[in-house]
PDB file of N, CA and C in Angstrom:
ATOM      1  N   MET A   1       0.820  -1.193   0.000  1.00  0.00           N
ATOM      2  CA  MET A   1       0.000   0.000   0.000  1.00  0.00           C
ATOM      3  C   MET A   1       0.868   1.263   0.000  1.00  0.00           C
ATOM      4  N   LYS A   2       2.010   1.166   0.684  1.00  0.00           N
ATOM      5  CA  LYS A   2       2.915   2.315   0.750  1.00  0.00           C
ATOM      6  C   LYS A   2       3.418   2.690  -0.645  1.00  0.00           C
ATOM      7  N   GLU A   3       3.772   1.669  -1.455  1.00  0.00           N
ATOM      8  CA  GLU A   3       4.266   1.933  -2.800  1.00  0.00           C
ATOM      9  C   GLU A   3       3.198   2.584  -3.669  1.00  0.00           C
ATOM     10  N   LEU A   4       1.947   2.185  -3.485  1.00  0.00           N
ATOM     11  CA  LEU A   4       0.851   2.757  -4.260  1.00  0.00           C
ATOM     12  C   LEU A   4       0.681   4.243  -3.952  1.00  0.00           C
ATOM     13  N   ILE A   5       0.775   4.598  -2.696  1.00  0.00           N
ATOM     14  CA  ILE A   5       0.655   5.999  -2.293  1.00  0.00           C
ATOM     15  C   ILE A   5       1.830   6.810  -2.842  1.00  0.00           C
ATOM     16  N   ILE A   6       3.029   6.235  -2.794  1.00  0.00           N
ATOM     17  CA  ILE A   6       4.210   6.913  -3.335  1.00  0.00           C
ATOM     18  C   ILE A   6       4.065   7.097  -4.842  1.00  0.00           C
ATOM     19  N   ALA A   7       3.602   6.051  -5.535  1.00  0.00           N
ATOM     20  CA  ALA A   7       3.429   6.142  -6.986  1.00  0.00           C
ATOM     21  C   ALA A   7       2.384   7.197  -7.347  1.00  0.00           C
ATOM     22  N   PHE A   8       1.299   7.261  -6.610  1.00  0.00           N
ATOM     23  CA  PHE A   8       0.261   8.250  -6.872  1.00  0.00           C
ATOM     24  C   PHE A   8       0.791   9.663  -6.620  1.00  0.00           C
ATOM     25  N   GLY A   9       1.554   9.822  -5.558  1.00  0.00           N
ATOM     26  CA  GLY A   9       2.171  11.119  -5.282  1.00  0.00           C
ATOM     27  C   GLY A   9       3.146  11.532  -6.375  1.00  0.00           C
ATOM     28  N   LEU A  10       3.920  10.589  -6.874  1.00  0.00           N
ATOM     29  CA  LEU A  10       4.849  10.879  -7.961  1.00  0.00           C
ATOM     30  C   LEU A  10       4.098  11.268  -9.228  1.00  0.00           C
ATOM     31  N   PHE A  11       3.006  10.575  -9.511  1.00  0.00           N
ATOM     32  CA  PHE A  11       2.175  10.907 -10.663  1.00  0.00           C
ATOM     33  C   PHE A  11       1.645  12.339 -10.556  1.00  0.00           C
ATOM     34  N   LEU A  12       1.119  12.695  -9.403  1.00  0.00           N
ATOM     35  CA  LEU A  12       0.593  14.044  -9.211  1.00  0.00           C
ATOM     36  C   LEU A  12       1.694  15.090  -9.319  1.00  0.00           C
ATOM     37  N   PHE A  13       2.858  14.778  -8.790  1.00  0.00           N
ATOM     38  CA  PHE A  13       3.985  15.701  -8.865  1.00  0.00           C
ATOM     39  C   PHE A  13       4.379  15.957 -10.318  1.00  0.00           C
ATOM     40  N   ILE A  14       4.536  14.905 -11.101  1.00  0.00           N
ATOM     41  CA  ILE A  14       4.942  15.051 -12.497  1.00  0.00           C
ATOM     42  C   ILE A  14       3.886  15.812 -13.288  1.00  0.00           C
ATOM     43  N   GLU A  15       2.620  15.458 -13.092  1.00  0.00           N
ATOM     44  CA  GLU A  15       1.542  16.174 -13.778  1.00  0.00           C
ATOM     45  C   GLU A  15       1.532  17.657 -13.394  1.00  0.00           C
ATOM     46  N   GLY A  16       1.696  17.933 -12.130  1.00  0.00           N
ATOM     47  CA  GLY A  16       1.695  19.319 -11.671  1.00  0.00           C
ATOM     48  C   GLY A  16       2.838  20.127 -12.251  1.00  0.00           C
ATOM     49  N   VAL A  17       4.019  19.529 -12.312  1.00  0.00           N
ATOM     50  CA  VAL A  17       5.175  20.213 -12.881  1.00  0.00           C
ATOM     51  C   VAL A  17       4.949  20.503 -14.363  1.00  0.00           C
ATOM     52  N   LEU A  18       4.391  19.527 -15.090  1.00  0.00           N
ATOM     53  CA  LEU A  18       4.134  19.745 -16.517  1.00  0.00           C
ATOM     54  C   LEU A  18       3.157  20.896 -16.741  1.00  0.00           C
ATOM     55  N   TYR A  19       2.079  20.920 -15.967  1.00  0.00           N
ATOM     56  CA  TYR A  19       1.102  22.003 -16.129  1.00  0.00           C
ATOM     57  C   TYR A  19       1.661  23.339 -15.653  1.00  0.00           C
ATOM     58  N   ALA A  20       2.529  23.329 -14.658  1.00  0.00           N
ATOM     59  CA  ALA A  20       3.107  24.583 -14.172  1.00  0.00           C
ATOM     60  C   ALA A  20       4.130  25.153 -15.149  1.00  0.00           C
ATOM     61  N   LEU A  21       4.917  24.285 -15.778  1.00  0.00           N
ATOM     62  CA  LEU A  21       5.965  24.761 -16.676  1.00  0.00           C
ATOM     63  C   LEU A  21       5.482  25.013 -18.103  1.00  0.00           C
ATOM     64  N   PHE A  22       4.531  24.198 -18.562  1.00  0.00           N
ATOM     65  CA  PHE A  22       4.082  24.281 -19.957  1.00  0.00           C
ATOM     66  C   PHE A  22       2.561  24.324 -20.059  1.00  0.00           C
ATOM     67  N   PRO A  23       1.902  25.331 -19.509  1.00  0.00           N
ATOM     68  CA  PRO A  23       0.436  25.329 -19.512  1.00  0.00           C
ATOM     69  C   PRO A  23      -0.178  25.386 -20.906  1.00  0.00           C
ATOM     70  N   SER A  24       0.375  26.200 -21.806  1.00  0.00           N
ATOM     71  CA  SER A  24      -0.225  26.305 -23.143  1.00  0.00           C
ATOM     72  C   SER A  24      -0.003  25.033 -23.957  1.00  0.00           C
ATOM     73  N   LYS A  25       1.155  24.423 -23.816  1.00  0.00           N
ATOM     74  CA  LYS A  25       1.420  23.176 -24.541  1.00  0.00           C
ATOM     75  C   LYS A  25       0.533  22.043 -24.028  1.00  0.00           C
ATOM     76  N   MET A  26       0.265  22.022 -22.736  1.00  0.00           N
ATOM     77  CA  MET A  26      -0.613  20.987 -22.181  1.00  0.00           C
ATOM     78  C   MET A  26      -2.044  21.177 -22.687  1.00  0.00           C
ATOM     79  N   LYS A  27      -2.488  22.427 -22.792  1.00  0.00           N
ATOM     80  CA  LYS A  27      -3.823  22.696 -23.339  1.00  0.00           C
ATOM     81  C   LYS A  27      -3.921  22.218 -24.785  1.00  0.00           C
ATOM     82  N   ASN A  28      -2.903  22.539 -25.588  1.00  0.00           N
ATOM     83  CA  ASN A  28      -2.899  22.108 -26.985  1.00  0.00           C
ATOM     84  C   ASN A  28      -2.899  20.586 -27.106  1.00  0.00           C
ATOM     85  N   MET A  29      -2.145  19.942 -26.240  1.00  0.00           N
ATOM     86  CA  MET A  29      -2.091  18.482 -26.274  1.00  0.00           C
ATOM     87  C   MET A  29      -3.459  17.886 -25.942  1.00  0.00           C
ATOM     88  N   LEU A  30      -4.148  18.462 -24.974  1.00  0.00           N
ATOM     89  CA  LEU A  30      -5.469  17.954 -24.608  1.00  0.00           C
ATOM     90  C   LEU A  30      -6.489  18.192 -25.722  1.00  0.00           C
ATOM     91  N   LYS A  31      -6.351  19.281 -26.456  1.00  0.00           N
ATOM     92  CA  LYS A  31      -7.237  19.529 -27.593  1.00  0.00           C
ATOM     93  C   LYS A  31      -7.014  18.500 -28.691  1.00  0.00           C
ATOM     94  N   LYS A  32      -5.767  18.146 -28.936  1.00  0.00           N
ATOM     95  CA  LYS A  32      -5.446  17.152 -29.963  1.00  0.00           C
ATOM     96  C   LYS A  32      -5.927  15.752 -29.561  1.00  0.00           C
ATOM     97  N   LEU A  33      -6.044  15.525 -28.277  1.00  0.00           N
ATOM     98  CA  LEU A  33      -6.482  14.220 -27.787  1.00  0.00           C
ATOM     99  C   LEU A  33      -7.908  13.908 -28.213  1.00  0.00           C
ATOM    100  N   ASP A  34      -8.699  14.940 -28.448  1.00  0.00           N
ATOM    101  CA  ASP A  34     -10.083  14.748 -28.867  1.00  0.00           C
ATOM    102  C   ASP A  34     -10.180  14.114 -30.253  1.00  0.00           C
ATOM    103  N   ALA A  35      -9.154  14.308 -31.074  1.00  0.00           N
ATOM    104  CA  ALA A  35      -9.158  13.756 -32.429  1.00  0.00           C
ATOM    105  C   ALA A  35      -8.782  12.279 -32.479  1.00  0.00           C
ATOM    106  N   VAL A  36      -8.248  11.752 -31.393  1.00  0.00           N
ATOM    107  CA  VAL A  36      -7.821  10.355 -31.363  1.00  0.00           C
ATOM    108  C   VAL A  36      -9.033   9.462 -31.096  1.00  0.00           C
ATOM    109  N   ALA A  37      -9.112   8.364 -31.824  1.00  0.00           N
ATOM    110  CA  ALA A  37     -10.228   7.435 -31.671  1.00  0.00           C
ATOM    111  C   ALA A  37     -10.177   6.731 -30.315  1.00  0.00           C
ATOM    112  N   ASP A  38     -11.357   6.359 -29.830  1.00  0.00           N
ATOM    113  CA  ASP A  38     -11.447   5.678 -28.536  1.00  0.00           C
ATOM    114  C   ASP A  38     -10.658   4.369 -28.518  1.00  0.00           C
ATOM    115  N   LYS A  39     -10.681   3.640 -29.615  1.00  0.00           N
ATOM    116  CA  LYS A  39      -9.949   2.373 -29.681  1.00  0.00           C
ATOM    117  C   LYS A  39      -8.448   2.600 -29.515  1.00  0.00           C
ATOM    118  N   GLN A  40      -7.937   3.664 -30.134  1.00  0.00           N
ATOM    119  CA  GLN A  40      -6.512   3.963 -30.011  1.00  0.00           C
ATOM    120  C   GLN A  40      -6.158   4.354 -28.580  1.00  0.00           C
ATOM    121  N   LEU A  41      -7.018   5.160 -27.952  1.00  0.00           N
ATOM    122  CA  LEU A  41      -6.763   5.539 -26.558  1.00  0.00           C
ATOM    123  C   LEU A  41      -6.797   4.325 -25.640  1.00  0.00           C
ATOM    124  N   ARG A  42      -7.762   3.461 -25.871  1.00  0.00           N
ATOM    125  CA  ARG A  42      -7.889   2.257 -25.048  1.00  0.00           C
ATOM    126  C   ARG A  42      -6.671   1.357 -25.231  1.00  0.00           C
ATOM    127  N   ALA A  43      -6.241   1.166 -26.472  1.00  0.00           N
ATOM    128  CA  ALA A  43      -5.070   0.325 -26.743  1.00  0.00           C
ATOM    129  C   ALA A  43      -3.806   0.935 -26.135  1.00  0.00           C
ATOM    130  N   GLY A  44      -3.641   2.243 -26.301  1.00  0.00           N
ATOM    131  CA  GLY A  44      -2.477   2.901 -25.712  1.00  0.00           C
ATOM    132  C   GLY A  44      -2.470   2.824 -24.202  1.00  0.00           C
ATOM    133  N   GLY A  45      -3.636   3.019 -23.594  1.00  0.00           N
ATOM    134  CA  GLY A  45      -3.739   2.906 -22.142  1.00  0.00           C
ATOM    135  C   GLY A  45      -3.410   1.508 -21.656  1.00  0.00           C
ATOM    136  N   LEU A  46      -3.882   0.508 -22.391  1.00  0.00           N
ATOM    137  CA  LEU A  46      -3.602  -0.880 -22.021  1.00  0.00           C
ATOM    138  C   LEU A  46      -2.111  -1.190 -22.138  1.00  0.00           C
ATOM    139  N   VAL A  47      -1.483  -0.706 -23.200  1.00  0.00           N
ATOM    140  CA  VAL A  47      -0.044  -0.930 -23.378  1.00  0.00           C
ATOM    141  C   VAL A  47       0.744  -0.294 -22.240  1.00  0.00           C
ATOM    142  N   PHE A  48       0.417   0.946 -21.899  1.00  0.00           N
ATOM    143  CA  PHE A  48       1.138   1.613 -20.808  1.00  0.00           C
ATOM    144  C   PHE A  48       0.859   0.962 -19.454  1.00  0.00           C
ATOM    145  N   ALA A  49      -0.351   0.479 -19.250  1.00  0.00           N
ATOM    146  CA  ALA A  49      -0.664  -0.221 -17.998  1.00  0.00           C
ATOM    147  C   ALA A  49       0.160  -1.503 -17.887  1.00  0.00           C
ATOM    148  N   ILE A  50       0.277  -2.241 -18.979  1.00  0.00           N
ATOM    149  CA  ILE A  50       1.065  -3.475 -18.963  1.00  0.00           C
ATOM    150  C   ILE A  50       2.538  -3.177 -18.738  1.00  0.00           C
ATOM    151  N   ILE A  51       3.052  -2.143 -19.397  1.00  0.00           N
ATOM    152  CA  ILE A  51       4.456  -1.765 -19.196  1.00  0.00           C
ATOM    153  C   ILE A  51       4.690  -1.366 -17.739  1.00  0.00           C
ATOM    154  N   GLY A  52       3.789  -0.577 -17.183  1.00  0.00           N
ATOM    155  CA  GLY A  52       3.912  -0.186 -15.777  1.00  0.00           C
ATOM    156  C   GLY A  52       3.867  -1.376 -14.841  1.00  0.00           C
ATOM    157  N   PHE A  53       2.968  -2.322 -15.118  1.00  0.00           N
ATOM    158  CA  PHE A  53       2.874  -3.527 -14.291  1.00  0.00           C
ATOM    159  C   PHE A  53       4.168  -4.328 -14.362  1.00  0.00           C
ATOM    160  N   ILE A  54       4.730  -4.464 -15.550  1.00  0.00           N
ATOM    161  CA  ILE A  54       5.980  -5.219 -15.705  1.00  0.00           C
ATOM    162  C   ILE A  54       7.117  -4.538 -14.948  1.00  0.00           C
ATOM    163  N   ILE A  55       7.182  -3.221 -15.007  1.00  0.00           N
ATOM    164  CA  ILE A  55       8.234  -2.500 -14.279  1.00  0.00           C
ATOM    165  C   ILE A  55       8.093  -2.723 -12.775  1.00  0.00           C
ATOM    166  N   ILE A  56       6.872  -2.613 -12.266  1.00  0.00           N
ATOM    167  CA  ILE A  56       6.646  -2.820 -10.833  1.00  0.00           C
ATOM    168  C   ILE A  56       6.958  -4.255 -10.443  1.00  0.00           C
ATOM    169  N   TRP A  57       6.480  -5.207 -11.229  1.00  0.00           N
ATOM    170  CA  TRP A  57       6.713  -6.619 -10.940  1.00  0.00           C
ATOM    171  C   TRP A  57       8.199  -6.932 -10.958  1.00  0.00           C
ATOM    172  N   TYR A  58       8.900  -6.437 -11.979  1.00  0.00           N
ATOM    173  CA  TYR A  58      10.337  -6.684 -12.094  1.00  0.00           C
ATOM    174  C   TYR A  58      11.090  -6.087 -10.908  1.00  0.00           C
ATOM    175  N   SER A  59      10.719  -4.887 -10.484  1.00  0.00           N
ATOM    176  CA  SER A  59      11.421  -4.271  -9.354  1.00  0.00           C
ATOM    177  C   SER A  59      11.180  -5.050  -8.066  1.00  0.00           C
ATOM    178  N   LYS A  60       9.978  -5.587  -7.901  1.00  0.00           N
ATOM    179  CA  LYS A  60       9.687  -6.405  -6.711  1.00  0.00           C
ATOM    180  C   LYS A  60      10.478  -7.704  -6.749  1.00  0.00           C
ATOM    181  N   ILE A  61      10.497  -8.370  -7.908  1.00  0.00           N
ATOM    182  CA  ILE A  61      11.244  -9.627  -8.039  1.00  0.00           C
ATOM    183  C   ILE A  61      12.732  -9.378  -7.839  1.00  0.00           C
ATOM    184  N   TRP A  62      13.242  -8.287  -8.401  1.00  0.00           N
ATOM    185  CA  TRP A  62      14.659  -7.967  -8.254  1.00  0.00           C
ATOM    186  C   TRP A  62      15.014  -7.735  -6.791  1.00  0.00           C
ATOM    187  N   LYS A  63      14.125  -7.061  -6.057  1.00  0.00           N
ATOM    188  CA  LYS A  63      14.365  -6.808  -4.631  1.00  0.00           C
ATOM    189  C   LYS A  63      14.431  -8.131  -3.868  1.00  0.00           C
ATOM    190  N   ILE A  64      13.505  -9.040  -4.166  1.00  0.00           N
ATOM    191  CA  ILE A  64      13.487 -10.343  -3.499  1.00  0.00           C
ATOM    192  C   ILE A  64      14.722 -11.145  -3.895  1.00  0.00           C
ATOM    193  N   PHE A  65      15.086 -11.129  -5.182  1.00  0.00           N
ATOM    194  CA  PHE A  65      16.243 -11.877  -5.670  1.00  0.00           C
ATOM    195  C   PHE A  65      17.514 -11.402  -5.002  1.00  0.00           C
ATOM    196  N   THR A  66      17.727 -10.098  -4.940  1.00  0.00           N
ATOM    197  CA  THR A  66      18.965  -9.575  -4.342  1.00  0.00           C
ATOM    198  C   THR A  66      18.992  -9.784  -2.835  1.00  0.00           C
ATOM    199  N   LYS A  67      17.833  -9.898  -2.224  1.00  0.00           N
ATOM    200  CA  LYS A  67      17.791 -10.133  -0.772  1.00  0.00           C
ATOM    201  C   LYS A  67      18.300 -11.538  -0.438  1.00  0.00           C
ATOM    202  N   PHE A  68      17.972 -12.519  -1.279  1.00  0.00           N
ATOM    203  CA  PHE A  68      18.361 -13.895  -1.009  1.00  0.00           C
ATOM    204  C   PHE A  68      19.763 -14.231  -1.519  1.00  0.00           C
ATOM    205  N   TYR A  69      20.218 -13.504  -2.525  1.00  0.00           N
ATOM    206  CA  TYR A  69      21.503 -13.807  -3.136  1.00  0.00           C
ATOM    207  C   TYR A  69      22.452 -12.627  -3.007  1.00  0.00           C
ATOM    208  N   GLN A  70      22.750 -12.252  -1.769  1.00  0.00           N
ATOM    209  CA  GLN A  70      23.682 -11.157  -1.542  1.00  0.00           C
ATOM    210  C   GLN A  70      25.107 -11.680  -1.634  1.00  0.00           C
ATOM    211  N   TYR A  71      25.983 -10.836  -2.151  1.00  0.00           N
ATOM    212  CA  TYR A  71      27.382 -11.230  -2.334  1.00  0.00           C
ATOM    213  C   TYR A  71      28.178 -10.933  -1.114  1.00  0.00           C
TER     214      TYR A  71
END
């Protein structure tokens, strides 16, 4: 649960920095998002969710692996 809260905080931090530094570019990007088909958004979201899951899973496995096989 701790990692989830940290990840959510990091997400909010990155989003906030982007909107604070590049407000007009973020607005333009959101306008362009309306032209993208729902299927493409769904597929892209699924791909990024899977990539994120693999990164989290790999980091957890790596932590467990290095804990048992310390040099």
